[in-house]
């Protein structure tokens, strides 16, 4: 399994509108590509700057091939839509990780 983690820092004043749009529009559009199985949303609780909120979207897919197809076929348009809508209000960082296992108590 592959995780595609997108960490976004957004201005606190824009957060409620932005997260609503992410949940109602952007994430469903990403999942509708059929290349990801799920998206987990994690709001960071230890932001050092009170004027921003940081959120990680963790998309899960079966293979690097699925992720590469997403990146080549869909990512540019979806990222452009987000950037145009929230220009100057966010910073994003993307990380790809392989799931090596899970330990459960």
PDB file of N, CA and C in Angstrom:
ATOM      1  N   UNK A   1       0.831  -1.181   0.000  1.00  0.00           N
ATOM      2  CA  UNK A   1       0.000   0.000   0.000  1.00  0.00           C
ATOM      3  C   UNK A   1       0.882   1.253   0.000  1.00  0.00           C
ATOM      4  N   UNK A   2       0.369   2.289  -0.615  1.00  0.00           N
ATOM      5  CA  UNK A   2       1.083   3.558  -0.732  1.00  0.00           C
ATOM      6  C   UNK A   2       0.238   4.660  -0.106  1.00  0.00           C
ATOM      7  N   UNK A   3       0.910   5.535   0.621  1.00  0.00           N
ATOM      8  CA  UNK A   3       0.257   6.725   1.169  1.00  0.00           C
ATOM      9  C   UNK A   3       0.816   7.947   0.457  1.00  0.00           C
ATOM     10  N   UNK A   4      -0.095   8.779   0.016  1.00  0.00           N
ATOM     11  CA  UNK A   4       0.254  10.059  -0.590  1.00  0.00           C
ATOM     12  C   UNK A   4      -0.215  11.124   0.395  1.00  0.00           C
ATOM     13  N   UNK A   5       0.724  11.702   1.132  1.00  0.00           N
ATOM     14  CA  UNK A   5       0.399  12.660   2.179  1.00  0.00           C
ATOM     15  C   UNK A   5       0.596  14.079   1.665  1.00  0.00           C
ATOM     16  N   UNK A   6      -0.462  14.854   1.771  1.00  0.00           N
ATOM     17  CA  UNK A   6      -0.408  16.256   1.379  1.00  0.00           C
ATOM     18  C   UNK A   6      -0.646  17.076   2.640  1.00  0.00           C
ATOM     19  N   UNK A   7       0.375  17.797   3.075  1.00  0.00           N
ATOM     20  CA  UNK A   7       0.267  18.631   4.275  1.00  0.00           C
ATOM     21  C   UNK A   7       0.114  20.076   3.830  1.00  0.00           C
ATOM     22  N   UNK A   8      -0.959  20.698   4.322  1.00  0.00           N
ATOM     23  CA  UNK A   8      -1.287  22.061   3.923  1.00  0.00           C
ATOM     24  C   UNK A   8      -1.380  22.934   5.164  1.00  0.00           C
ATOM     25  N   UNK A   9      -0.730  24.072   5.102  1.00  0.00           N
ATOM     26  CA  UNK A   9      -0.846  25.094   6.137  1.00  0.00           C
ATOM     27  C   UNK A   9      -1.653  26.236   5.542  1.00  0.00           C
ATOM     28  N   UNK A  10      -2.737  26.588   6.220  1.00  0.00           N
ATOM     29  CA  UNK A  10      -3.647  27.619   5.710  1.00  0.00           C
ATOM     30  C   UNK A  10      -3.880  28.662   6.802  1.00  0.00           C
ATOM     31  N   UNK A  11      -4.127  29.876   6.385  1.00  0.00           N
ATOM     32  CA  UNK A  11      -4.410  30.940   7.338  1.00  0.00           C
ATOM     33  C   UNK A  11      -5.656  30.591   8.161  1.00  0.00           C
ATOM     34  N   UNK A  12      -5.588  30.821   9.459  1.00  0.00           N
ATOM     35  CA  UNK A  12      -6.709  30.492  10.351  1.00  0.00           C
ATOM     36  C   UNK A  12      -7.986  31.215   9.935  1.00  0.00           C
ATOM     37  N   UNK A  13      -7.865  32.434   9.434  1.00  0.00           N
ATOM     38  CA  UNK A  13      -9.043  33.196   9.016  1.00  0.00           C
ATOM     39  C   UNK A  13      -9.751  32.565   7.816  1.00  0.00           C
ATOM     40  N   UNK A  14      -9.039  31.768   7.046  1.00  0.00           N
ATOM     41  CA  UNK A  14      -9.605  31.116   5.865  1.00  0.00           C
ATOM     42  C   UNK A  14      -9.950  29.649   6.104  1.00  0.00           C
ATOM     43  N   UNK A  15      -9.609  29.134   7.273  1.00  0.00           N
ATOM     44  CA  UNK A  15      -9.681  27.694   7.513  1.00  0.00           C
ATOM     45  C   UNK A  15     -11.075  27.104   7.332  1.00  0.00           C
ATOM     46  N   UNK A  16     -12.094  27.659   7.953  1.00  0.00           N
ATOM     47  CA  UNK A  16     -13.428  27.042   7.905  1.00  0.00           C
ATOM     48  C   UNK A  16     -13.962  26.928   6.483  1.00  0.00           C
ATOM     49  N   UNK A  17     -13.818  27.996   5.699  1.00  0.00           N
ATOM     50  CA  UNK A  17     -14.287  27.949   4.312  1.00  0.00           C
ATOM     51  C   UNK A  17     -13.450  26.950   3.517  1.00  0.00           C
ATOM     52  N   UNK A  18     -12.127  26.982   3.714  1.00  0.00           N
ATOM     53  CA  UNK A  18     -11.216  26.102   2.981  1.00  0.00           C
ATOM     54  C   UNK A  18     -11.477  24.631   3.287  1.00  0.00           C
ATOM     55  N   UNK A  19     -11.580  24.259   4.566  1.00  0.00           N
ATOM     56  CA  UNK A  19     -11.778  22.843   4.906  1.00  0.00           C
ATOM     57  C   UNK A  19     -13.145  22.366   4.422  1.00  0.00           C
ATOM     58  N   UNK A  20     -14.136  23.235   4.450  1.00  0.00           N
ATOM     59  CA  UNK A  20     -15.443  22.874   3.895  1.00  0.00           C
ATOM     60  C   UNK A  20     -15.354  22.563   2.413  1.00  0.00           C
ATOM     61  N   UNK A  21     -14.610  23.395   1.668  1.00  0.00           N
ATOM     62  CA  UNK A  21     -14.433  23.169   0.237  1.00  0.00           C
ATOM     63  C   UNK A  21     -13.630  21.888  -0.013  1.00  0.00           C
ATOM     64  N   UNK A  22     -12.602  21.677   0.793  1.00  0.00           N
ATOM     65  CA  UNK A  22     -11.799  20.461   0.643  1.00  0.00           C
ATOM     66  C   UNK A  22     -12.664  19.216   0.819  1.00  0.00           C
ATOM     67  N   UNK A  23     -13.514  19.210   1.834  1.00  0.00           N
ATOM     68  CA  UNK A  23     -14.348  18.038   2.129  1.00  0.00           C
ATOM     69  C   UNK A  23     -15.486  17.860   1.132  1.00  0.00           C
ATOM     70  N   UNK A  24     -16.034  18.954   0.640  1.00  0.00           N
ATOM     71  CA  UNK A  24     -17.193  18.843  -0.256  1.00  0.00           C
ATOM     72  C   UNK A  24     -16.823  18.774  -1.730  1.00  0.00           C
ATOM     73  N   UNK A  25     -15.659  19.286  -2.104  1.00  0.00           N
ATOM     74  CA  UNK A  25     -15.294  19.362  -3.528  1.00  0.00           C
ATOM     75  C   UNK A  25     -13.977  18.654  -3.855  1.00  0.00           C
ATOM     76  N   UNK A  26     -12.882  19.123  -3.263  1.00  0.00           N
ATOM     77  CA  UNK A  26     -11.565  18.645  -3.695  1.00  0.00           C
ATOM     78  C   UNK A  26     -11.332  17.166  -3.392  1.00  0.00           C
ATOM     79  N   UNK A  27     -11.530  16.749  -2.161  1.00  0.00           N
ATOM     80  CA  UNK A  27     -11.298  15.338  -1.813  1.00  0.00           C
ATOM     81  C   UNK A  27     -12.215  14.414  -2.608  1.00  0.00           C
ATOM     82  N   UNK A  28     -13.526  14.712  -2.705  1.00  0.00           N
ATOM     83  CA  UNK A  28     -14.361  13.852  -3.556  1.00  0.00           C
ATOM     84  C   UNK A  28     -13.865  13.785  -5.003  1.00  0.00           C
ATOM     85  N   UNK A  29     -13.375  14.908  -5.542  1.00  0.00           N
ATOM     86  CA  UNK A  29     -12.847  14.892  -6.910  1.00  0.00           C
ATOM     87  C   UNK A  29     -11.629  13.979  -7.017  1.00  0.00           C
ATOM     88  N   UNK A  30     -10.746  14.016  -6.023  1.00  0.00           N
ATOM     89  CA  UNK A  30      -9.570  13.141  -6.030  1.00  0.00           C
ATOM     90  C   UNK A  30     -10.008  11.680  -5.938  1.00  0.00           C
ATOM     91  N   UNK A  31     -10.925  11.381  -5.040  1.00  0.00           N
ATOM     92  CA  UNK A  31     -11.370   9.993  -4.870  1.00  0.00           C
ATOM     93  C   UNK A  31     -12.137   9.487  -6.091  1.00  0.00           C
ATOM     94  N   UNK A  32     -12.834  10.386  -6.786  1.00  0.00           N
ATOM     95  CA  UNK A  32     -13.579   9.998  -7.986  1.00  0.00           C
ATOM     96  C   UNK A  32     -12.674   9.537  -9.127  1.00  0.00           C
ATOM     97  N   UNK A  33     -11.381   9.800  -9.050  1.00  0.00           N
ATOM     98  CA  UNK A  33     -10.472   9.301 -10.086  1.00  0.00           C
ATOM     99  C   UNK A  33     -10.412   7.778 -10.051  1.00  0.00           C
ATOM    100  N   UNK A  34     -10.815   7.184  -8.918  1.00  0.00           N
ATOM    101  CA  UNK A  34     -10.776   5.735  -8.772  1.00  0.00           C
ATOM    102  C   UNK A  34      -9.402   5.182  -8.443  1.00  0.00           C
ATOM    103  N   UNK A  35      -8.436   6.046  -8.219  1.00  0.00           N
ATOM    104  CA  UNK A  35      -7.069   5.603  -7.988  1.00  0.00           C
ATOM    105  C   UNK A  35      -6.703   5.526  -6.508  1.00  0.00           C
ATOM    106  N   UNK A  36      -7.534   6.121  -5.657  1.00  0.00           N
ATOM    107  CA  UNK A  36      -7.309   6.085  -4.213  1.00  0.00           C
ATOM    108  C   UNK A  36      -8.475   5.389  -3.536  1.00  0.00           C
ATOM    109  N   UNK A  37      -8.173   4.679  -2.469  1.00  0.00           N
ATOM    110  CA  UNK A  37      -9.202   3.968  -1.718  1.00  0.00           C
ATOM    111  C   UNK A  37      -9.828   4.823  -0.636  1.00  0.00           C
ATOM    112  N   UNK A  38      -9.049   5.741  -0.084  1.00  0.00           N
ATOM    113  CA  UNK A  38      -9.559   6.535   1.029  1.00  0.00           C
ATOM    114  C   UNK A  38      -8.704   7.780   1.221  1.00  0.00           C
ATOM    115  N   UNK A  39      -9.229   8.682   2.045  1.00  0.00           N
ATOM    116  CA  UNK A  39      -8.475   9.865   2.458  1.00  0.00           C
ATOM    117  C   UNK A  39      -8.749  10.089   3.937  1.00  0.00           C
ATOM    118  N   UNK A  40      -7.686  10.136   4.701  1.00  0.00           N
ATOM    119  CA  UNK A  40      -7.782  10.436   6.128  1.00  0.00           C
ATOM    120  C   UNK A  40      -7.329  11.880   6.333  1.00  0.00           C
ATOM    121  N   UNK A  41      -8.099  12.626   7.110  1.00  0.00           N
ATOM    122  CA  UNK A  41      -7.795  14.033   7.362  1.00  0.00           C
ATOM    123  C   UNK A  41      -7.296  14.160   8.796  1.00  0.00           C
ATOM    124  N   UNK A  42      -6.127  14.761   8.947  1.00  0.00           N
ATOM    125  CA  UNK A  42      -5.524  14.936  10.275  1.00  0.00           C
ATOM    126  C   UNK A  42      -5.196  16.410  10.491  1.00  0.00           C
ATOM    127  N   UNK A  43      -5.832  17.006  11.496  1.00  0.00           N
ATOM    128  CA  UNK A  43      -5.529  18.394  11.850  1.00  0.00           C
ATOM    129  C   UNK A  43      -4.432  18.377  12.906  1.00  0.00           C
ATOM    130  N   UNK A  44      -3.365  19.094  12.649  1.00  0.00           N
ATOM    131  CA  UNK A  44      -2.246  19.149  13.581  1.00  0.00           C
ATOM    132  C   UNK A  44      -2.649  19.969  14.805  1.00  0.00           C
ATOM    133  N   UNK A  45      -2.310  19.462  15.962  1.00  0.00           N
ATOM    134  CA  UNK A  45      -2.670  20.139  17.203  1.00  0.00           C
ATOM    135  C   UNK A  45      -1.541  20.960  17.786  1.00  0.00           C
ATOM    136  N   UNK A  46      -0.357  20.841  17.228  1.00  0.00           N
ATOM    137  CA  UNK A  46       0.810  21.517  17.793  1.00  0.00           C
ATOM    138  C   UNK A  46       1.351  22.632  16.905  1.00  0.00           C
ATOM    139  N   UNK A  47       0.470  23.347  16.219  1.00  0.00           N
ATOM    140  CA  UNK A  47       0.931  24.473  15.407  1.00  0.00           C
ATOM    141  C   UNK A  47       1.571  25.518  16.312  1.00  0.00           C
ATOM    142  N   UNK A  48       2.774  25.921  15.975  1.00  0.00           N
ATOM    143  CA  UNK A  48       3.480  26.921  16.771  1.00  0.00           C
ATOM    144  C   UNK A  48       3.009  28.335  16.457  1.00  0.00           C
ATOM    145  N   UNK A  49       2.425  28.516  15.298  1.00  0.00           N
ATOM    146  CA  UNK A  49       1.957  29.826  14.866  1.00  0.00           C
ATOM    147  C   UNK A  49       0.437  29.871  15.018  1.00  0.00           C
ATOM    148  N   UNK A  50      -0.063  30.771  15.856  1.00  0.00           N
ATOM    149  CA  UNK A  50      -1.502  30.860  16.120  1.00  0.00           C
ATOM    150  C   UNK A  50      -2.310  31.372  14.940  1.00  0.00           C
ATOM    151  N   UNK A  51      -1.659  31.892  13.910  1.00  0.00           N
ATOM    152  CA  UNK A  51      -2.398  32.460  12.792  1.00  0.00           C
ATOM    153  C   UNK A  51      -2.640  31.455  11.667  1.00  0.00           C
ATOM    154  N   UNK A  52      -2.136  30.210  11.811  1.00  0.00           N
ATOM    155  CA  UNK A  52      -2.310  29.200  10.772  1.00  0.00           C
ATOM    156  C   UNK A  52      -2.831  27.896  11.365  1.00  0.00           C
ATOM    157  N   UNK A  53      -3.400  27.077  10.492  1.00  0.00           N
ATOM    158  CA  UNK A  53      -3.828  25.721  10.833  1.00  0.00           C
ATOM    159  C   UNK A  53      -3.148  24.795   9.835  1.00  0.00           C
ATOM    160  N   UNK A  54      -2.628  23.662  10.314  1.00  0.00           N
ATOM    161  CA  UNK A  54      -1.977  22.692   9.448  1.00  0.00           C
ATOM    162  C   UNK A  54      -2.792  21.415   9.437  1.00  0.00           C
ATOM    163  N   UNK A  55      -3.027  20.893   8.234  1.00  0.00           N
ATOM    164  CA  UNK A  55      -3.809  19.680   8.041  1.00  0.00           C
ATOM    165  C   UNK A  55      -3.054  18.763   7.090  1.00  0.00           C
ATOM    166  N   UNK A  56      -3.043  17.467   7.403  1.00  0.00           N
ATOM    167  CA  UNK A  56      -2.483  16.478   6.491  1.00  0.00           C
ATOM    168  C   UNK A  56      -3.615  15.621   5.939  1.00  0.00           C
ATOM    169  N   UNK A  57      -3.646  15.505   4.621  1.00  0.00           N
ATOM    170  CA  UNK A  57      -4.580  14.622   3.921  1.00  0.00           C
ATOM    171  C   UNK A  57      -3.771  13.407   3.505  1.00  0.00           C
ATOM    172  N   UNK A  58      -4.162  12.251   3.988  1.00  0.00           N
ATOM    173  CA  UNK A  58      -3.421  11.024   3.731  1.00  0.00           C
ATOM    174  C   UNK A  58      -4.258  10.128   2.820  1.00  0.00           C
ATOM    175  N   UNK A  59      -3.911  10.144   1.530  1.00  0.00           N
ATOM    176  CA  UNK A  59      -4.619   9.338   0.532  1.00  0.00           C
ATOM    177  C   UNK A  59      -3.939   7.974   0.441  1.00  0.00           C
ATOM    178  N   UNK A  60      -4.730   6.927   0.369  1.00  0.00           N
ATOM    179  CA  UNK A  60      -4.177   5.570   0.291  1.00  0.00           C
ATOM    180  C   UNK A  60      -4.525   4.947  -1.058  1.00  0.00           C
ATOM    181  N   UNK A  61      -3.501   4.347  -1.696  1.00  0.00           N
ATOM    182  CA  UNK A  61      -3.727   3.632  -2.955  1.00  0.00           C
ATOM    183  C   UNK A  61      -2.962   2.313  -2.939  1.00  0.00           C
ATOM    184  N   UNK A  62      -3.254   1.459  -3.890  1.00  0.00           N
ATOM    185  CA  UNK A  62      -2.697   0.113  -3.927  1.00  0.00           C
ATOM    186  C   UNK A  62      -1.243   0.057  -4.383  1.00  0.00           C
ATOM    187  N   UNK A  63      -0.844   0.991  -5.263  1.00  0.00           N
ATOM    188  CA  UNK A  63       0.483   0.839  -5.868  1.00  0.00           C
ATOM    189  C   UNK A  63       1.058   2.179  -6.305  1.00  0.00           C
ATOM    190  N   UNK A  64       2.364   2.179  -6.543  1.00  0.00           N
ATOM    191  CA  UNK A  64       3.009   3.362  -7.107  1.00  0.00           C
ATOM    192  C   UNK A  64       2.463   3.670  -8.495  1.00  0.00           C
ATOM    193  N   UNK A  65       2.077   2.632  -9.222  1.00  0.00           N
ATOM    194  CA  UNK A  65       1.514   2.837 -10.553  1.00  0.00           C
ATOM    195  C   UNK A  65       0.225   3.651 -10.477  1.00  0.00           C
ATOM    196  N   UNK A  66      -0.611   3.359  -9.477  1.00  0.00           N
ATOM    197  CA  UNK A  66      -1.846   4.133  -9.291  1.00  0.00           C
ATOM    198  C   UNK A  66      -1.523   5.587  -8.993  1.00  0.00           C
ATOM    199  N   UNK A  67      -0.564   5.809  -8.115  1.00  0.00           N
ATOM    200  CA  UNK A  67      -0.171   7.176  -7.778  1.00  0.00           C
ATOM    201  C   UNK A  67       0.403   7.888  -8.995  1.00  0.00           C
ATOM    202  N   UNK A  68       1.249   7.207  -9.744  1.00  0.00           N
ATOM    203  CA  UNK A  68       1.835   7.816 -10.939  1.00  0.00           C
ATOM    204  C   UNK A  68       0.769   8.163 -11.963  1.00  0.00           C
ATOM    205  N   UNK A  69      -0.251   7.317 -12.089  1.00  0.00           N
ATOM    206  CA  UNK A  69      -1.351   7.616 -13.014  1.00  0.00           C
ATOM    207  C   UNK A  69      -2.108   8.852 -12.537  1.00  0.00           C
ATOM    208  N   UNK A  70      -2.367   8.927 -11.232  1.00  0.00           N
ATOM    209  CA  UNK A  70      -3.025  10.113 -10.687  1.00  0.00           C
ATOM    210  C   UNK A  70      -2.205  11.359 -11.002  1.00  0.00           C
ATOM    211  N   UNK A  71      -0.905  11.281 -10.741  1.00  0.00           N
ATOM    212  CA  UNK A  71      -0.050  12.444 -10.948  1.00  0.00           C
ATOM    213  C   UNK A  71       0.021  12.861 -12.408  1.00  0.00           C
ATOM    214  N   UNK A  72       0.039  11.907 -13.317  1.00  0.00           N
ATOM    215  CA  UNK A  72       0.155  12.251 -14.737  1.00  0.00           C
ATOM    216  C   UNK A  72      -1.173  12.647 -15.376  1.00  0.00           C
ATOM    217  N   UNK A  73      -2.275  12.099 -14.881  1.00  0.00           N
ATOM    218  CA  UNK A  73      -3.573  12.323 -15.523  1.00  0.00           C
ATOM    219  C   UNK A  73      -4.461  13.367 -14.828  1.00  0.00           C
ATOM    220  N   UNK A  74      -4.348  13.512 -13.522  1.00  0.00           N
ATOM    221  CA  UNK A  74      -5.328  14.306 -12.772  1.00  0.00           C
ATOM    222  C   UNK A  74      -4.749  15.402 -11.885  1.00  0.00           C
ATOM    223  N   UNK A  75      -3.573  15.185 -11.321  1.00  0.00           N
ATOM    224  CA  UNK A  75      -3.059  16.079 -10.272  1.00  0.00           C
ATOM    225  C   UNK A  75      -2.939  17.525 -10.723  1.00  0.00           C
ATOM    226  N   UNK A  76      -2.416  17.754 -11.885  1.00  0.00           N
ATOM    227  CA  UNK A  76      -2.184  19.127 -12.334  1.00  0.00           C
ATOM    228  C   UNK A  76      -3.475  19.947 -12.328  1.00  0.00           C
ATOM    229  N   UNK A  77      -4.538  19.418 -12.886  1.00  0.00           N
ATOM    230  CA  UNK A  77      -5.801  20.167 -12.951  1.00  0.00           C
ATOM    231  C   UNK A  77      -6.407  20.377 -11.567  1.00  0.00           C
ATOM    232  N   UNK A  78      -6.355  19.351 -10.727  1.00  0.00           N
ATOM    233  CA  UNK A  78      -6.925  19.475  -9.388  1.00  0.00           C
ATOM    234  C   UNK A  78      -6.116  20.442  -8.528  1.00  0.00           C
ATOM    235  N   UNK A  79      -4.808  20.390  -8.637  1.00  0.00           N
ATOM    236  CA  UNK A  79      -3.967  21.317  -7.875  1.00  0.00           C
ATOM    237  C   UNK A  79      -4.135  22.743  -8.385  1.00  0.00           C
ATOM    238  N   UNK A  80      -4.314  22.902  -9.686  1.00  0.00           N
ATOM    239  CA  UNK A  80      -4.521  24.232 -10.269  1.00  0.00           C
ATOM    240  C   UNK A  80      -5.810  24.847  -9.733  1.00  0.00           C
ATOM    241  N   UNK A  81      -6.865  24.061  -9.686  1.00  0.00           N
ATOM    242  CA  UNK A  81      -8.146  24.550  -9.163  1.00  0.00           C
ATOM    243  C   UNK A  81      -7.981  25.036  -7.716  1.00  0.00           C
ATOM    244  N   UNK A  82      -7.284  24.258  -6.901  1.00  0.00           N
ATOM    245  CA  UNK A  82      -7.044  24.633  -5.509  1.00  0.00           C
ATOM    246  C   UNK A  82      -6.195  25.895  -5.420  1.00  0.00           C
ATOM    247  N   UNK A  83      -5.130  25.944  -6.198  1.00  0.00           N
ATOM    248  CA  UNK A  83      -4.220  27.088  -6.158  1.00  0.00           C
ATOM    249  C   UNK A  83      -4.911  28.370  -6.604  1.00  0.00           C
ATOM    250  N   UNK A  84      -5.710  28.291  -7.642  1.00  0.00           N
ATOM    251  CA  UNK A  84      -6.417  29.481  -8.111  1.00  0.00           C
ATOM    252  C   UNK A  84      -7.417  29.976  -7.079  1.00  0.00           C
ATOM    253  N   UNK A  85      -8.076  29.061  -6.409  1.00  0.00           N
ATOM    254  CA  UNK A  85      -9.093  29.424  -5.416  1.00  0.00           C
ATOM    255  C   UNK A  85      -8.469  30.009  -4.143  1.00  0.00           C
ATOM    256  N   UNK A  86      -7.309  29.499  -3.740  1.00  0.00           N
ATOM    257  CA  UNK A  86      -6.705  29.887  -2.459  1.00  0.00           C
ATOM    258  C   UNK A  86      -5.303  30.465  -2.616  1.00  0.00           C
ATOM    259  N   UNK A  87      -5.033  31.094  -3.721  1.00  0.00           N
ATOM    260  CA  UNK A  87      -3.707  31.675  -3.990  1.00  0.00           C
ATOM    261  C   UNK A  87      -3.279  32.599  -2.852  1.00  0.00           C
ATOM    262  N   UNK A  88      -2.066  32.397  -2.365  1.00  0.00           N
ATOM    263  CA  UNK A  88      -1.507  33.230  -1.320  1.00  0.00           C
ATOM    264  C   UNK A  88      -2.007  32.930   0.083  1.00  0.00           C
ATOM    265  N   UNK A  89      -2.888  31.947   0.225  1.00  0.00           N
ATOM    266  CA  UNK A  89      -3.484  31.647   1.532  1.00  0.00           C
ATOM    267  C   UNK A  89      -3.016  30.323   2.121  1.00  0.00           C
ATOM    268  N   UNK A  90      -2.140  29.603   1.402  1.00  0.00           N
ATOM    269  CA  UNK A  90      -1.732  28.284   1.874  1.00  0.00           C
ATOM    270  C   UNK A  90      -0.321  27.960   1.406  1.00  0.00           C
ATOM    271  N   UNK A  91       0.243  26.948   2.054  1.00  0.00           N
ATOM    272  CA  UNK A  91       1.494  26.316   1.624  1.00  0.00           C
ATOM    273  C   UNK A  91       1.245  24.818   1.677  1.00  0.00           C
ATOM    274  N   UNK A  92       1.763  24.083   0.697  1.00  0.00           N
ATOM    275  CA  UNK A  92       1.546  22.636   0.640  1.00  0.00           C
ATOM    276  C   UNK A  92       2.866  21.899   0.479  1.00  0.00           C
ATOM    277  N   UNK A  93       2.912  20.705   1.049  1.00  0.00           N
ATOM    278  CA  UNK A  93       4.058  19.817   0.944  1.00  0.00           C
ATOM    279  C   UNK A  93       3.525  18.411   0.689  1.00  0.00           C
ATOM    280  N   UNK A  94       4.126  17.693  -0.239  1.00  0.00           N
ATOM    281  CA  UNK A  94       3.662  16.352  -0.600  1.00  0.00           C
ATOM    282  C   UNK A  94       4.751  15.325  -0.330  1.00  0.00           C
ATOM    283  N   UNK A  95       4.343  14.177   0.260  1.00  0.00           N
ATOM    284  CA  UNK A  95       5.264  13.097   0.583  1.00  0.00           C
ATOM    285  C   UNK A  95       4.608  11.780   0.197  1.00  0.00           C
ATOM    286  N   UNK A  96       5.376  10.894  -0.428  1.00  0.00           N
ATOM    287  CA  UNK A  96       4.910   9.559  -0.771  1.00  0.00           C
ATOM    288  C   UNK A  96       5.594   8.571   0.167  1.00  0.00           C
ATOM    289  N   UNK A  97       4.804   7.659   0.740  1.00  0.00           N
ATOM    290  CA  UNK A  97       5.357   6.684   1.685  1.00  0.00           C
ATOM    291  C   UNK A  97       4.765   5.308   1.418  1.00  0.00           C
ATOM    292  N   UNK A  98       5.576   4.279   1.624  1.00  0.00           N
ATOM    293  CA  UNK A  98       5.095   2.902   1.543  1.00  0.00           C
ATOM    294  C   UNK A  98       4.681   2.474   2.933  1.00  0.00           C
ATOM    295  N   UNK A  99       3.536   1.826   3.034  1.00  0.00           N
ATOM    296  CA  UNK A  99       3.078   1.312   4.321  1.00  0.00           C
ATOM    297  C   UNK A  99       3.809  -0.007   4.568  1.00  0.00           C
ATOM    298  N   UNK A 100       4.621  -0.036   5.588  1.00  0.00           N
ATOM    299  CA  UNK A 100       5.458  -1.193   5.906  1.00  0.00           C
ATOM    300  C   UNK A 100       4.769  -2.163   6.851  1.00  0.00           C
ATOM    301  N   UNK A 101       3.751  -1.731   7.492  1.00  0.00           N
ATOM    302  CA  UNK A 101       3.045  -2.603   8.423  1.00  0.00           C
ATOM    303  C   UNK A 101       2.356  -1.784   9.484  1.00  0.00           C
ATOM    304  N   UNK A 102       1.631  -2.480  10.355  1.00  0.00           N
ATOM    305  CA  UNK A 102       0.917  -1.824  11.434  1.00  0.00           C
ATOM    306  C   UNK A 102       1.041  -2.673  12.685  1.00  0.00           C
ATOM    307  N   UNK A 103       1.422  -2.052  13.772  1.00  0.00           N
ATOM    308  CA  UNK A 103       1.508  -2.746  15.052  1.00  0.00           C
ATOM    309  C   UNK A 103       0.280  -2.367  15.872  1.00  0.00           C
ATOM    310  N   UNK A 104      -0.351  -3.356  16.434  1.00  0.00           N
ATOM    311  CA  UNK A 104      -1.555  -3.125  17.219  1.00  0.00           C
ATOM    312  C   UNK A 104      -1.386  -3.780  18.570  1.00  0.00           C
ATOM    313  N   UNK A 105      -1.771  -3.099  19.602  1.00  0.00           N
ATOM    314  CA  UNK A 105      -1.659  -3.641  20.948  1.00  0.00           C
ATOM    315  C   UNK A 105      -2.745  -4.679  21.194  1.00  0.00           C
TER     316      UNK A 105
END
